């Protein structure tokens, strides 16, 4: 919930953006190129700025962000997905192998395909 809040706190499309942050975290857990735990993904060096700049702890997440976090965790435990497979990038620019969705100035993108 803290990563969801910190990563989308400047986004005007709140709930949709929150689900995208949660979805990218889960897709990284499922991806062999990232750590295989939610904690490992969130704290992977150089990935989520809010983990090193203190953003995760500046404000308390909203009730909705806590609910999204809990629902995302349940999906994870059941092997479910929020985003299409390989949706591992979220940033204010396009990257990877194409855009999954754009919310305001935030892009969720597919991972580059291995050759």
Protein backbone atom coordinates (compact mmCIF):
# COMPACT_ATOMS: atom_id res chain seq x y z
CA UNK A 1 0.00 0.00 0.00
CA UNK A 2 2.89 2.35 0.76
CA UNK A 3 4.51 1.80 -2.65
CA UNK A 4 1.15 2.19 -4.36
CA UNK A 5 0.56 5.48 -2.57
CA UNK A 6 4.06 6.87 -3.10
CA UNK A 7 4.32 5.84 -6.74
CA UNK A 8 0.95 7.21 -7.79
CA UNK A 9 0.56 10.10 -5.35
CA UNK A 10 1.06 12.70 -8.09
CA UNK A 11 -1.28 10.89 -10.48
CA UNK A 12 -4.78 12.29 -11.05
CA UNK A 13 -6.33 8.94 -11.99
CA UNK A 14 -5.92 7.46 -8.49
CA UNK A 15 -7.54 4.05 -8.39
CA UNK A 16 -6.63 2.96 -11.91
CA UNK A 17 -3.05 4.10 -11.38
CA UNK A 18 -2.96 2.31 -8.02
CA UNK A 19 -4.00 -0.95 -9.65
CA UNK A 20 -1.27 -0.48 -12.28
CA UNK A 21 1.43 -0.05 -9.63
CA UNK A 22 0.21 -3.19 -7.85
CA UNK A 23 0.07 -5.02 -11.17
CA UNK A 24 3.62 -4.10 -12.16
CA UNK A 25 4.89 -5.28 -8.77
CA UNK A 26 3.17 -8.66 -9.25
CA UNK A 27 4.36 -9.01 -12.84
CA UNK A 28 7.93 -8.47 -11.64
CA UNK A 29 7.49 -11.16 -8.98
CA UNK A 30 6.40 -13.58 -11.72
CA UNK A 31 9.25 -12.56 -14.05
CA UNK A 32 12.53 -14.48 -13.88
CA UNK A 33 14.60 -11.29 -14.22
CA UNK A 34 13.30 -9.84 -10.95
CA UNK A 35 13.24 -11.04 -7.34
CA UNK A 36 10.55 -13.65 -6.68
CA UNK A 37 8.94 -11.92 -3.68
CA UNK A 38 6.91 -8.75 -3.35
CA UNK A 39 9.36 -7.37 -0.81
CA UNK A 40 12.30 -8.25 -3.05
CA UNK A 41 10.71 -6.46 -6.01
CA UNK A 42 9.78 -3.36 -4.02
CA UNK A 43 13.23 -2.98 -2.48
CA UNK A 44 15.27 -4.04 -5.52
CA UNK A 45 18.03 -1.49 -5.88
CA UNK A 46 17.29 1.29 -8.32
CA UNK A 47 13.66 0.36 -9.01
CA UNK A 48 11.13 2.24 -6.90
CA UNK A 49 12.42 5.71 -6.00
CA UNK A 50 10.12 5.91 -2.96
CA UNK A 51 12.17 3.18 -1.24
CA UNK A 52 15.32 5.28 -1.14
CA UNK A 53 13.99 8.84 -0.94
CA UNK A 54 11.65 8.23 2.00
CA UNK A 55 8.50 8.70 -0.06
CA UNK A 56 6.98 5.49 1.24
CA UNK A 57 6.73 6.91 4.73
CA UNK A 58 5.84 10.57 4.16
CA UNK A 59 2.09 10.00 4.08
CA UNK A 60 -0.22 7.21 5.15
CA UNK A 61 -1.85 5.31 2.27
CA UNK A 62 -5.58 5.81 1.81
CA UNK A 63 -8.13 3.15 2.74
CA UNK A 64 -8.60 2.46 -0.98
CA UNK A 65 -4.83 1.89 -1.43
CA UNK A 66 -4.82 -0.53 1.51
CA UNK A 67 -7.78 -2.37 -0.06
CA UNK A 68 -6.07 -2.54 -3.46
CA UNK A 69 -2.94 -3.83 -1.76
CA UNK A 70 -4.91 -6.56 0.04
CA UNK A 71 -6.77 -7.56 -3.13
CA UNK A 72 -3.51 -7.63 -5.11
CA UNK A 73 -1.94 -9.84 -2.44
CA UNK A 74 -4.89 -12.23 -2.63
CA UNK A 75 -4.53 -12.36 -6.42
CA UNK A 76 -0.82 -13.09 -5.97
CA UNK A 77 -1.54 -15.92 -3.55
CA UNK A 78 -3.97 -17.37 -6.08
CA UNK A 79 -1.54 -16.93 -9.00
CA UNK A 80 -3.71 -14.28 -10.60
CA UNK A 81 -2.83 -11.22 -12.62
CA UNK A 82 -3.88 -7.58 -12.74
CA UNK A 83 -2.02 -6.70 -15.94
CA UNK A 84 -1.09 -8.78 -18.99
CA UNK A 85 1.95 -11.01 -18.60
CA UNK A 86 5.23 -9.14 -18.97
CA UNK A 87 3.90 -5.71 -17.91
CA UNK A 88 6.96 -4.91 -15.81
CA UNK A 89 7.65 -1.24 -16.49
CA UNK A 90 5.86 1.80 -15.07
CA UNK A 91 7.26 5.28 -15.65
CA UNK A 92 6.58 8.69 -17.12
CA UNK A 93 7.96 7.57 -20.49
CA UNK A 94 7.51 4.72 -22.92
CA UNK A 95 9.96 1.85 -22.75
CA UNK A 96 10.33 -1.84 -23.40
CA UNK A 97 8.33 -3.65 -26.06
CA UNK A 98 5.25 -1.44 -26.16
CA UNK A 99 2.65 0.32 -24.09
CA UNK A 100 0.10 -1.71 -22.14
CA UNK A 101 -1.79 1.37 -20.97
CA UNK A 102 -1.28 5.06 -20.34
CA UNK A 103 -2.86 6.86 -17.39
CA UNK A 104 -2.23 10.57 -17.44
CA UNK A 105 1.53 10.92 -17.88
CA UNK A 106 2.27 7.40 -16.63
CA UNK A 107 3.00 4.50 -18.98
CA UNK A 108 2.79 0.80 -18.17
CA UNK A 109 4.91 -1.09 -20.70
CA UNK A 110 5.79 -4.62 -21.69
CA UNK A 111 9.23 -6.07 -21.09
CA UNK A 112 11.50 -6.52 -24.08
CA UNK A 113 11.17 -10.01 -25.47
CA UNK A 114 14.23 -12.26 -25.21
CA UNK A 115 15.77 -13.30 -28.50
